[in-house]
Amino acid sequence: MSETVAFGTAETALGRLLVAATEAGVAMVTWRDGPGTRARAQSRLGLPVVDDPARLAEPLLQLKAFFCGDPHAFTVPIDWRLTNPLQRQVLGTLYERVPWGRTITYGGLGDRSEAGVNAQAIGQVMGSNPVPIIVPCHRVVASNGLGGYSGGSGIEVKRWLLTMEGSLPATLDWSLDEGPLPV
């Protein structure tokens, strides 16, 4: 039987996330769902779509737990097919070594992953992460502040995620139940 992809959605305080899972694991998480987004994801993956709720049950359960404040690490397998060797090395290091509530600088991740690239290249890898949240690119920060973030509605999503995880202090108007801006 040929490889396939199944799609599912997770409703979060930051909006609806689309999850794409192959037989090997989660291959993609995107910040929006809709026919166009699914068509682009299918095209990128190059796989036929199947309806397979069982394949998506655990990734969706773990995403729900994450957004409810559960600090346990994601344990779902990742399908790295949308990454090149450098991305795989850097994102794999991030996935395995930077836990909930911790941050690392772009340069620090470059050093820790032994990728031999500078902070700017690490930023480009973070911006191309096909599995945000599960592979926590939001935990990678600049040496002088938050740095950038291309997920959802941008830097405020990163700030919200880091506040939820306890890496940043909450402001008086912060709420776990409400995301920063519509995605």
N, C-alpha and C. Protein backbone atom coordinates (compact mmCIF):
# COMPACT_ATOMS: atom_id res chain seq x y z
N MET A 1 0.84 -1.18 0.00
CA MET A 1 0.00 0.00 0.00
C MET A 1 0.89 1.25 0.00
N SER A 2 0.49 2.25 -0.74
CA SER A 2 1.28 3.48 -0.82
C SER A 2 1.07 4.33 0.42
N GLU A 3 1.98 5.28 0.61
CA GLU A 3 1.89 6.19 1.74
C GLU A 3 0.72 7.15 1.55
N THR A 4 0.18 7.61 2.68
CA THR A 4 -0.95 8.53 2.66
C THR A 4 -0.76 9.59 3.73
N VAL A 5 -1.61 10.60 3.69
CA VAL A 5 -1.65 11.62 4.72
C VAL A 5 -3.09 11.76 5.20
N ALA A 6 -3.24 11.98 6.50
CA ALA A 6 -4.56 12.24 7.09
C ALA A 6 -4.51 13.62 7.75
N PHE A 7 -5.62 14.34 7.67
CA PHE A 7 -5.70 15.67 8.26
C PHE A 7 -6.66 15.68 9.44
N GLY A 8 -6.33 16.46 10.44
CA GLY A 8 -7.20 16.68 11.58
C GLY A 8 -6.99 18.09 12.10
N THR A 9 -7.90 18.55 12.94
CA THR A 9 -7.79 19.91 13.47
C THR A 9 -7.82 19.90 14.99
N ALA A 10 -7.10 20.87 15.53
CA ALA A 10 -7.08 21.10 16.97
C ALA A 10 -7.54 22.53 17.21
N GLU A 11 -8.60 22.68 17.96
CA GLU A 11 -9.07 24.01 18.34
C GLU A 11 -8.26 24.49 19.55
N THR A 12 -7.66 25.66 19.43
CA THR A 12 -6.82 26.18 20.51
C THR A 12 -7.18 27.63 20.80
N ALA A 13 -6.60 28.16 21.86
CA ALA A 13 -6.78 29.58 22.17
C ALA A 13 -6.17 30.46 21.09
N LEU A 14 -5.30 29.90 20.27
CA LEU A 14 -4.67 30.65 19.19
C LEU A 14 -5.33 30.41 17.85
N GLY A 15 -6.43 29.69 17.85
CA GLY A 15 -7.13 29.40 16.61
C GLY A 15 -7.05 27.93 16.27
N ARG A 16 -7.55 27.61 15.11
CA ARG A 16 -7.60 26.22 14.66
C ARG A 16 -6.28 25.84 14.00
N LEU A 17 -5.67 24.75 14.48
CA LEU A 17 -4.45 24.22 13.89
C LEU A 17 -4.81 23.03 13.01
N LEU A 18 -4.20 22.96 11.85
CA LEU A 18 -4.35 21.81 10.97
C LEU A 18 -3.15 20.91 11.17
N VAL A 19 -3.41 19.63 11.40
CA VAL A 19 -2.36 18.65 11.61
C VAL A 19 -2.40 17.65 10.47
N ALA A 20 -1.23 17.40 9.86
CA ALA A 20 -1.10 16.40 8.80
C ALA A 20 -0.20 15.30 9.31
N ALA A 21 -0.72 14.06 9.26
CA ALA A 21 0.05 12.92 9.75
C ALA A 21 0.13 11.84 8.68
N THR A 22 1.33 11.34 8.48
CA THR A 22 1.55 10.20 7.59
C THR A 22 1.66 8.95 8.46
N GLU A 23 1.92 7.84 7.85
CA GLU A 23 2.13 6.62 8.62
C GLU A 23 3.35 6.74 9.53
N ALA A 24 4.32 7.57 9.15
CA ALA A 24 5.56 7.73 9.92
C ALA A 24 5.40 8.68 11.10
N GLY A 25 4.44 9.60 11.06
CA GLY A 25 4.27 10.55 12.15
C GLY A 25 3.70 11.87 11.67
N VAL A 26 3.74 12.87 12.55
CA VAL A 26 3.24 14.19 12.21
C VAL A 26 4.23 14.85 11.26
N ALA A 27 3.74 15.23 10.10
CA ALA A 27 4.60 15.83 9.08
C ALA A 27 4.42 17.34 8.98
N MET A 28 3.27 17.85 9.45
CA MET A 28 3.00 19.27 9.29
C MET A 28 1.94 19.72 10.30
N VAL A 29 2.15 20.92 10.81
CA VAL A 29 1.15 21.63 11.61
C VAL A 29 1.08 23.03 11.02
N THR A 30 -0.11 23.48 10.67
CA THR A 30 -0.27 24.83 10.12
C THR A 30 -1.27 25.60 10.97
N TRP A 31 -1.21 26.91 10.84
CA TRP A 31 -2.00 27.80 11.70
C TRP A 31 -3.41 28.05 11.21
N ARG A 32 -3.74 27.56 10.08
CA ARG A 32 -5.11 27.75 9.56
C ARG A 32 -5.59 26.46 8.95
N ASP A 33 -6.89 26.33 8.86
CA ASP A 33 -7.47 25.17 8.19
C ASP A 33 -8.47 25.66 7.17
N GLY A 34 -8.59 24.95 6.11
CA GLY A 34 -9.54 25.27 5.06
C GLY A 34 -9.16 24.48 3.82
N PRO A 35 -10.02 24.48 2.83
CA PRO A 35 -9.74 23.70 1.62
C PRO A 35 -8.42 24.09 0.94
N GLY A 36 -8.14 25.37 0.86
CA GLY A 36 -6.90 25.82 0.23
C GLY A 36 -5.67 25.39 1.01
N THR A 37 -5.74 25.51 2.33
CA THR A 37 -4.62 25.10 3.18
C THR A 37 -4.38 23.60 3.04
N ARG A 38 -5.44 22.83 3.04
CA ARG A 38 -5.30 21.37 2.90
C ARG A 38 -4.74 21.00 1.52
N ALA A 39 -5.19 21.70 0.49
CA ALA A 39 -4.68 21.41 -0.86
C ALA A 39 -3.18 21.73 -0.95
N ARG A 40 -2.76 22.85 -0.35
CA ARG A 40 -1.33 23.19 -0.36
C ARG A 40 -0.52 22.18 0.44
N ALA A 41 -1.05 21.76 1.59
CA ALA A 41 -0.35 20.76 2.41
C ALA A 41 -0.24 19.44 1.66
N GLN A 42 -1.32 19.01 1.03
CA GLN A 42 -1.28 17.76 0.26
C GLN A 42 -0.27 17.87 -0.87
N SER A 43 -0.24 19.00 -1.54
CA SER A 43 0.70 19.21 -2.64
C SER A 43 2.14 19.16 -2.14
N ARG A 44 2.40 19.80 -1.01
CA ARG A 44 3.76 19.79 -0.43
C ARG A 44 4.19 18.39 -0.05
N LEU A 45 3.27 17.62 0.51
CA LEU A 45 3.59 16.27 0.94
C LEU A 45 3.60 15.28 -0.22
N GLY A 46 2.82 15.57 -1.25
CA GLY A 46 2.77 14.70 -2.42
C GLY A 46 2.16 13.34 -2.14
N LEU A 47 1.19 13.31 -1.23
CA LEU A 47 0.57 12.05 -0.83
C LEU A 47 -0.94 12.12 -0.96
N PRO A 48 -1.60 11.00 -1.25
CA PRO A 48 -3.06 11.00 -1.26
C PRO A 48 -3.61 11.13 0.16
N VAL A 49 -4.76 11.76 0.26
CA VAL A 49 -5.41 11.99 1.55
C VAL A 49 -6.35 10.83 1.88
N VAL A 50 -6.31 10.41 3.14
CA VAL A 50 -7.23 9.40 3.65
C VAL A 50 -7.90 9.93 4.91
N ASP A 51 -9.03 9.37 5.22
CA ASP A 51 -9.71 9.67 6.47
C ASP A 51 -9.24 8.64 7.49
N ASP A 52 -8.46 9.06 8.48
CA ASP A 52 -7.89 8.13 9.45
C ASP A 52 -7.85 8.77 10.84
N PRO A 53 -9.01 8.86 11.50
CA PRO A 53 -9.04 9.49 12.83
C PRO A 53 -8.11 8.83 13.84
N ALA A 54 -7.91 7.52 13.74
CA ALA A 54 -7.04 6.83 14.69
C ALA A 54 -5.60 7.34 14.59
N ARG A 55 -5.15 7.63 13.38
CA ARG A 55 -3.79 8.13 13.18
C ARG A 55 -3.60 9.49 13.83
N LEU A 56 -4.66 10.27 13.87
CA LEU A 56 -4.59 11.63 14.39
C LEU A 56 -4.94 11.74 15.87
N ALA A 57 -5.48 10.69 16.46
CA ALA A 57 -5.98 10.76 17.84
C ALA A 57 -4.90 11.23 18.82
N GLU A 58 -3.76 10.60 18.81
CA GLU A 58 -2.71 10.96 19.78
C GLU A 58 -2.12 12.34 19.53
N PRO A 59 -1.77 12.70 18.29
CA PRO A 59 -1.27 14.07 18.09
C PRO A 59 -2.27 15.14 18.52
N LEU A 60 -3.55 14.95 18.22
CA LEU A 60 -4.56 15.94 18.60
C LEU A 60 -4.75 15.97 20.11
N LEU A 61 -4.70 14.82 20.76
CA LEU A 61 -4.81 14.75 22.22
C LEU A 61 -3.63 15.48 22.87
N GLN A 62 -2.43 15.27 22.36
CA GLN A 62 -1.25 15.92 22.94
C GLN A 62 -1.26 17.42 22.69
N LEU A 63 -1.75 17.87 21.54
CA LEU A 63 -1.88 19.31 21.31
C LEU A 63 -2.89 19.93 22.25
N LYS A 64 -4.02 19.25 22.46
CA LYS A 64 -5.02 19.75 23.40
C LYS A 64 -4.43 19.86 24.80
N ALA A 65 -3.70 18.85 25.23
CA ALA A 65 -3.08 18.87 26.55
C ALA A 65 -2.07 20.02 26.66
N PHE A 66 -1.29 20.22 25.61
CA PHE A 66 -0.32 21.31 25.60
C PHE A 66 -1.02 22.65 25.83
N PHE A 67 -2.08 22.90 25.08
CA PHE A 67 -2.78 24.18 25.20
C PHE A 67 -3.57 24.31 26.49
N CYS A 68 -3.74 23.22 27.21
CA CYS A 68 -4.35 23.28 28.54
C CYS A 68 -3.29 23.46 29.63
N GLY A 69 -2.04 23.61 29.22
CA GLY A 69 -0.97 23.88 30.16
C GLY A 69 -0.22 22.66 30.66
N ASP A 70 -0.35 21.53 29.99
CA ASP A 70 0.35 20.31 30.40
C ASP A 70 1.81 20.40 29.95
N PRO A 71 2.75 20.39 30.89
CA PRO A 71 4.16 20.57 30.53
C PRO A 71 4.86 19.32 30.01
N HIS A 72 4.16 18.23 29.88
CA HIS A 72 4.80 17.01 29.40
C HIS A 72 5.21 17.14 27.94
N ALA A 73 6.31 16.55 27.62
CA ALA A 73 6.84 16.63 26.26
C ALA A 73 5.94 15.89 25.29
N PHE A 74 5.93 16.37 24.08
CA PHE A 74 5.24 15.63 23.02
C PHE A 74 6.00 14.34 22.80
N THR A 75 5.26 13.28 22.61
CA THR A 75 5.87 11.97 22.37
C THR A 75 5.47 11.39 21.03
N VAL A 76 4.71 12.14 20.25
CA VAL A 76 4.30 11.63 18.94
C VAL A 76 5.51 11.57 18.02
N PRO A 77 5.54 10.58 17.14
CA PRO A 77 6.63 10.54 16.17
C PRO A 77 6.50 11.68 15.17
N ILE A 78 7.65 12.15 14.70
CA ILE A 78 7.69 13.21 13.70
C ILE A 78 8.13 12.60 12.37
N ASP A 79 7.45 12.97 11.31
CA ASP A 79 7.86 12.61 9.96
C ASP A 79 8.61 13.82 9.42
N TRP A 80 9.90 13.70 9.26
CA TRP A 80 10.77 14.81 8.91
C TRP A 80 10.89 15.01 7.40
N ARG A 81 10.03 14.43 6.59
CA ARG A 81 10.19 14.46 5.14
C ARG A 81 10.22 15.86 4.53
N LEU A 82 9.67 16.86 5.19
CA LEU A 82 9.66 18.22 4.64
C LEU A 82 10.88 19.04 5.06
N THR A 83 11.88 18.37 5.63
CA THR A 83 13.09 19.07 6.06
C THR A 83 14.30 18.55 5.30
N ASN A 84 15.29 19.43 5.16
CA ASN A 84 16.57 19.02 4.60
C ASN A 84 17.47 18.57 5.76
N PRO A 85 18.66 18.06 5.47
CA PRO A 85 19.52 17.56 6.56
C PRO A 85 19.84 18.60 7.64
N LEU A 86 20.12 19.84 7.25
CA LEU A 86 20.40 20.87 8.25
C LEU A 86 19.17 21.13 9.11
N GLN A 87 18.02 21.32 8.49
CA GLN A 87 16.79 21.55 9.25
C GLN A 87 16.52 20.38 10.19
N ARG A 88 16.69 19.17 9.70
CA ARG A 88 16.44 17.96 10.51
C ARG A 88 17.35 17.95 11.72
N GLN A 89 18.63 18.30 11.53
CA GLN A 89 19.58 18.31 12.64
C GLN A 89 19.21 19.35 13.68
N VAL A 90 18.93 20.57 13.23
CA VAL A 90 18.63 21.67 14.16
C VAL A 90 17.28 21.45 14.84
N LEU A 91 16.24 21.15 14.05
CA LEU A 91 14.91 20.96 14.63
C LEU A 91 14.87 19.71 15.50
N GLY A 92 15.60 18.67 15.13
CA GLY A 92 15.67 17.47 15.96
C GLY A 92 16.30 17.77 17.31
N THR A 93 17.36 18.57 17.31
CA THR A 93 17.99 18.97 18.57
C THR A 93 17.01 19.76 19.42
N LEU A 94 16.32 20.70 18.81
CA LEU A 94 15.32 21.50 19.53
C LEU A 94 14.24 20.60 20.13
N TYR A 95 13.71 19.70 19.34
CA TYR A 95 12.64 18.78 19.78
C TYR A 95 13.08 17.93 20.97
N GLU A 96 14.33 17.46 20.92
CA GLU A 96 14.82 16.53 21.94
C GLU A 96 15.39 17.21 23.18
N ARG A 97 15.86 18.48 23.06
CA ARG A 97 16.66 19.02 24.15
C ARG A 97 16.20 20.32 24.78
N VAL A 98 15.12 20.92 24.27
CA VAL A 98 14.65 22.18 24.86
C VAL A 98 13.23 21.98 25.37
N PRO A 99 13.08 21.69 26.66
CA PRO A 99 11.78 21.34 27.22
C PRO A 99 10.89 22.54 27.54
N TRP A 100 9.67 22.24 27.88
CA TRP A 100 8.67 23.20 28.35
C TRP A 100 9.31 24.14 29.37
N GLY A 101 9.01 25.42 29.25
CA GLY A 101 9.46 26.39 30.24
C GLY A 101 10.89 26.86 30.05
N ARG A 102 11.58 26.34 29.07
CA ARG A 102 12.96 26.73 28.80
C ARG A 102 13.04 27.42 27.45
N THR A 103 14.02 28.27 27.31
CA THR A 103 14.30 28.89 26.02
C THR A 103 15.78 28.70 25.71
N ILE A 104 16.12 28.93 24.47
CA ILE A 104 17.51 28.86 24.03
C ILE A 104 17.67 29.95 22.97
N THR A 105 18.85 30.54 22.91
CA THR A 105 19.08 31.55 21.88
C THR A 105 19.33 30.88 20.54
N TYR A 106 19.18 31.67 19.48
CA TYR A 106 19.45 31.16 18.14
C TYR A 106 20.89 30.63 18.07
N GLY A 107 21.83 31.42 18.57
CA GLY A 107 23.23 30.99 18.57
C GLY A 107 23.46 29.77 19.44
N GLY A 108 22.80 29.73 20.59
CA GLY A 108 22.93 28.57 21.48
C GLY A 108 22.41 27.30 20.85
N LEU A 109 21.33 27.40 20.09
CA LEU A 109 20.80 26.22 19.40
C LEU A 109 21.75 25.79 18.30
N GLY A 110 22.36 26.75 17.61
CA GLY A 110 23.35 26.41 16.59
C GLY A 110 24.51 25.65 17.20
N ASP A 111 24.98 26.11 18.36
CA ASP A 111 26.08 25.44 19.05
C ASP A 111 25.66 24.05 19.54
N ARG A 112 24.50 23.98 20.17
CA ARG A 112 24.04 22.72 20.75
C ARG A 112 23.76 21.66 19.68
N SER A 113 23.28 22.10 18.53
CA SER A 113 22.96 21.14 17.48
C SER A 113 24.18 20.78 16.64
N GLU A 114 25.30 21.45 16.93
CA GLU A 114 26.54 21.21 16.19
C GLU A 114 26.33 21.34 14.69
N ALA A 115 25.47 22.31 14.33
CA ALA A 115 25.13 22.51 12.92
C ALA A 115 26.18 23.33 12.18
N GLY A 116 27.02 24.04 12.93
CA GLY A 116 28.06 24.83 12.28
C GLY A 116 27.53 26.02 11.51
N VAL A 117 26.38 26.57 11.95
CA VAL A 117 25.81 27.73 11.28
C VAL A 117 25.56 28.84 12.29
N ASN A 118 25.42 30.07 11.78
CA ASN A 118 25.24 31.21 12.66
C ASN A 118 23.77 31.37 13.08
N ALA A 119 23.54 32.35 13.96
CA ALA A 119 22.21 32.59 14.50
C ALA A 119 21.20 32.94 13.40
N GLN A 120 21.63 33.67 12.38
CA GLN A 120 20.71 34.03 11.30
C GLN A 120 20.22 32.78 10.56
N ALA A 121 21.13 31.84 10.30
CA ALA A 121 20.73 30.59 9.65
C ALA A 121 19.78 29.79 10.53
N ILE A 122 20.02 29.80 11.84
CA ILE A 122 19.11 29.11 12.77
C ILE A 122 17.74 29.76 12.71
N GLY A 123 17.68 31.09 12.62
CA GLY A 123 16.40 31.78 12.48
C GLY A 123 15.66 31.36 11.22
N GLN A 124 16.38 31.16 10.14
CA GLN A 124 15.74 30.71 8.90
C GLN A 124 15.20 29.29 9.06
N VAL A 125 15.93 28.44 9.77
CA VAL A 125 15.44 27.08 10.03
C VAL A 125 14.17 27.15 10.87
N MET A 126 14.15 28.01 11.88
CA MET A 126 12.96 28.13 12.73
C MET A 126 11.77 28.60 11.90
N GLY A 127 12.00 29.56 11.00
CA GLY A 127 10.93 30.08 10.16
C GLY A 127 10.39 29.07 9.17
N SER A 128 11.15 28.02 8.90
CA SER A 128 10.70 26.99 7.96
C SER A 128 10.25 25.71 8.65
N ASN A 129 10.12 25.75 9.97
CA ASN A 129 9.72 24.57 10.75
C ASN A 129 8.34 24.09 10.29
N PRO A 130 8.23 22.87 9.74
CA PRO A 130 6.92 22.39 9.28
C PRO A 130 6.03 21.87 10.40
N VAL A 131 6.57 21.76 11.62
CA VAL A 131 5.80 21.18 12.72
C VAL A 131 5.87 22.08 13.95
N PRO A 132 5.44 23.36 13.82
CA PRO A 132 5.50 24.24 14.99
C PRO A 132 4.63 23.72 16.12
N ILE A 133 4.89 24.20 17.29
CA ILE A 133 4.30 23.81 18.57
C ILE A 133 4.90 22.46 19.00
N ILE A 134 4.72 21.41 18.21
CA ILE A 134 5.27 20.11 18.58
C ILE A 134 6.80 20.17 18.57
N VAL A 135 7.37 20.73 17.52
CA VAL A 135 8.79 21.05 17.50
C VAL A 135 8.84 22.53 17.85
N PRO A 136 9.19 22.86 19.10
CA PRO A 136 8.89 24.16 19.70
C PRO A 136 9.79 25.32 19.28
N CYS A 137 9.67 25.77 18.03
CA CYS A 137 10.49 26.88 17.55
C CYS A 137 10.20 28.17 18.32
N HIS A 138 9.05 28.24 18.99
CA HIS A 138 8.75 29.44 19.79
C HIS A 138 9.70 29.58 20.98
N ARG A 139 10.40 28.52 21.36
CA ARG A 139 11.33 28.55 22.49
C ARG A 139 12.71 29.08 22.11
N VAL A 140 12.90 29.39 20.85
CA VAL A 140 14.19 29.91 20.39
C VAL A 140 14.07 31.44 20.33
N VAL A 141 14.94 32.10 21.10
CA VAL A 141 14.85 33.56 21.26
C VAL A 141 16.17 34.22 20.87
N ALA A 142 16.09 35.51 20.62
CA ALA A 142 17.29 36.29 20.33
C ALA A 142 18.06 36.52 21.62
N SER A 143 19.34 36.81 21.50
CA SER A 143 20.15 37.06 22.70
C SER A 143 19.74 38.36 23.38
N ASN A 144 19.01 39.24 22.66
CA ASN A 144 18.61 40.52 23.23
C ASN A 144 17.09 40.71 23.27
N GLY A 145 16.34 39.64 23.25
CA GLY A 145 14.87 39.75 23.29
C GLY A 145 14.21 38.52 22.72
N LEU A 146 12.98 38.69 22.27
CA LEU A 146 12.21 37.55 21.78
C LEU A 146 12.65 37.06 20.42
N GLY A 147 13.12 37.94 19.57
CA GLY A 147 13.40 37.54 18.19
C GLY A 147 12.10 37.53 17.41
N GLY A 148 12.12 36.92 16.26
CA GLY A 148 10.93 36.89 15.41
C GLY A 148 10.11 35.64 15.59
N TYR A 149 8.97 35.62 14.89
CA TYR A 149 8.12 34.44 14.90
C TYR A 149 7.18 34.53 13.71
N SER A 150 7.18 33.49 12.90
CA SER A 150 6.35 33.52 11.69
C SER A 150 5.05 32.74 11.86
N GLY A 151 4.83 32.14 13.01
CA GLY A 151 3.62 31.35 13.22
C GLY A 151 2.42 32.20 13.61
N GLY A 152 1.26 31.75 13.22
CA GLY A 152 0.02 32.43 13.60
C GLY A 152 0.04 33.88 13.20
N SER A 153 -0.24 34.75 14.16
CA SER A 153 -0.26 36.18 13.87
C SER A 153 1.06 36.85 14.24
N GLY A 154 2.12 36.06 14.45
CA GLY A 154 3.43 36.63 14.65
C GLY A 154 3.93 36.63 16.08
N ILE A 155 4.68 37.65 16.41
CA ILE A 155 5.41 37.71 17.67
C ILE A 155 4.50 37.61 18.89
N GLU A 156 3.28 38.11 18.80
CA GLU A 156 2.38 38.01 19.95
C GLU A 156 1.99 36.56 20.24
N VAL A 157 1.97 35.71 19.22
CA VAL A 157 1.74 34.28 19.43
C VAL A 157 2.92 33.69 20.19
N LYS A 158 4.13 34.05 19.80
CA LYS A 158 5.32 33.57 20.50
C LYS A 158 5.29 34.03 21.96
N ARG A 159 4.97 35.29 22.17
CA ARG A 159 4.89 35.82 23.54
C ARG A 159 3.85 35.05 24.35
N TRP A 160 2.69 34.78 23.76
CA TRP A 160 1.62 34.05 24.46
C TRP A 160 2.10 32.64 24.83
N LEU A 161 2.73 31.94 23.87
CA LEU A 161 3.21 30.58 24.14
C LEU A 161 4.26 30.56 25.24
N LEU A 162 5.20 31.49 25.19
CA LEU A 162 6.25 31.54 26.22
C LEU A 162 5.68 31.94 27.58
N THR A 163 4.66 32.77 27.59
CA THR A 163 4.00 33.12 28.85
C THR A 163 3.26 31.91 29.40
N MET A 164 2.54 31.19 28.56
CA MET A 164 1.82 30.00 28.99
C MET A 164 2.79 28.98 29.59
N GLU A 165 3.98 28.85 29.01
CA GLU A 165 4.96 27.88 29.49
C GLU A 165 5.75 28.40 30.70
N GLY A 166 5.55 29.66 31.08
CA GLY A 166 6.25 30.20 32.24
C GLY A 166 7.62 30.76 31.94
N SER A 167 7.99 30.87 30.67
CA SER A 167 9.29 31.44 30.30
C SER A 167 9.29 32.96 30.38
N LEU A 168 8.12 33.56 30.26
CA LEU A 168 7.95 35.00 30.37
C LEU A 168 6.93 35.28 31.47
N PRO A 169 7.11 36.36 32.21
CA PRO A 169 6.10 36.69 33.22
C PRO A 169 4.80 37.15 32.56
N ALA A 170 3.71 36.77 33.16
CA ALA A 170 2.40 37.17 32.64
C ALA A 170 2.12 38.62 32.98
N THR A 171 1.45 39.31 32.08
CA THR A 171 0.98 40.66 32.37
C THR A 171 -0.37 40.54 33.06
N LEU A 172 -0.85 41.63 33.63
CA LEU A 172 -2.10 41.59 34.37
C LEU A 172 -3.30 41.21 33.51
N ASP A 173 -3.23 41.49 32.22
CA ASP A 173 -4.37 41.20 31.35
C ASP A 173 -4.21 39.87 30.60
N TRP A 174 -3.21 39.06 30.96
CA TRP A 174 -2.96 37.80 30.26
C TRP A 174 -3.94 36.74 30.69
N SER A 175 -4.42 35.95 29.72
CA SER A 175 -5.35 34.87 30.01
C SER A 175 -4.97 33.64 29.19
N LEU A 176 -4.92 32.49 29.83
CA LEU A 176 -4.65 31.23 29.15
C LEU A 176 -5.78 30.89 28.19
N ASP A 177 -6.98 31.36 28.48
CA ASP A 177 -8.14 31.01 27.67
C ASP A 177 -8.27 31.81 26.39
N GLU A 178 -7.57 32.91 26.29
CA GLU A 178 -7.70 33.75 25.11
C GLU A 178 -6.34 33.98 24.47
N GLY A 179 -6.28 33.74 23.19
CA GLY A 179 -5.06 34.00 22.45
C GLY A 179 -4.87 35.48 22.26
N PRO A 180 -3.70 35.89 21.79
CA PRO A 180 -3.39 37.30 21.64
C PRO A 180 -4.17 38.01 20.55
N LEU A 181 -4.27 37.40 19.41
CA LEU A 181 -4.95 38.00 18.27
C LEU A 181 -5.54 36.88 17.44
N PRO A 182 -6.57 37.15 16.68
CA PRO A 182 -7.09 36.10 15.81
C PRO A 182 -6.03 35.65 14.82
N VAL A 183 -5.97 34.36 14.58
CA VAL A 183 -4.99 33.80 13.64
C VAL A 183 -5.60 33.75 12.27
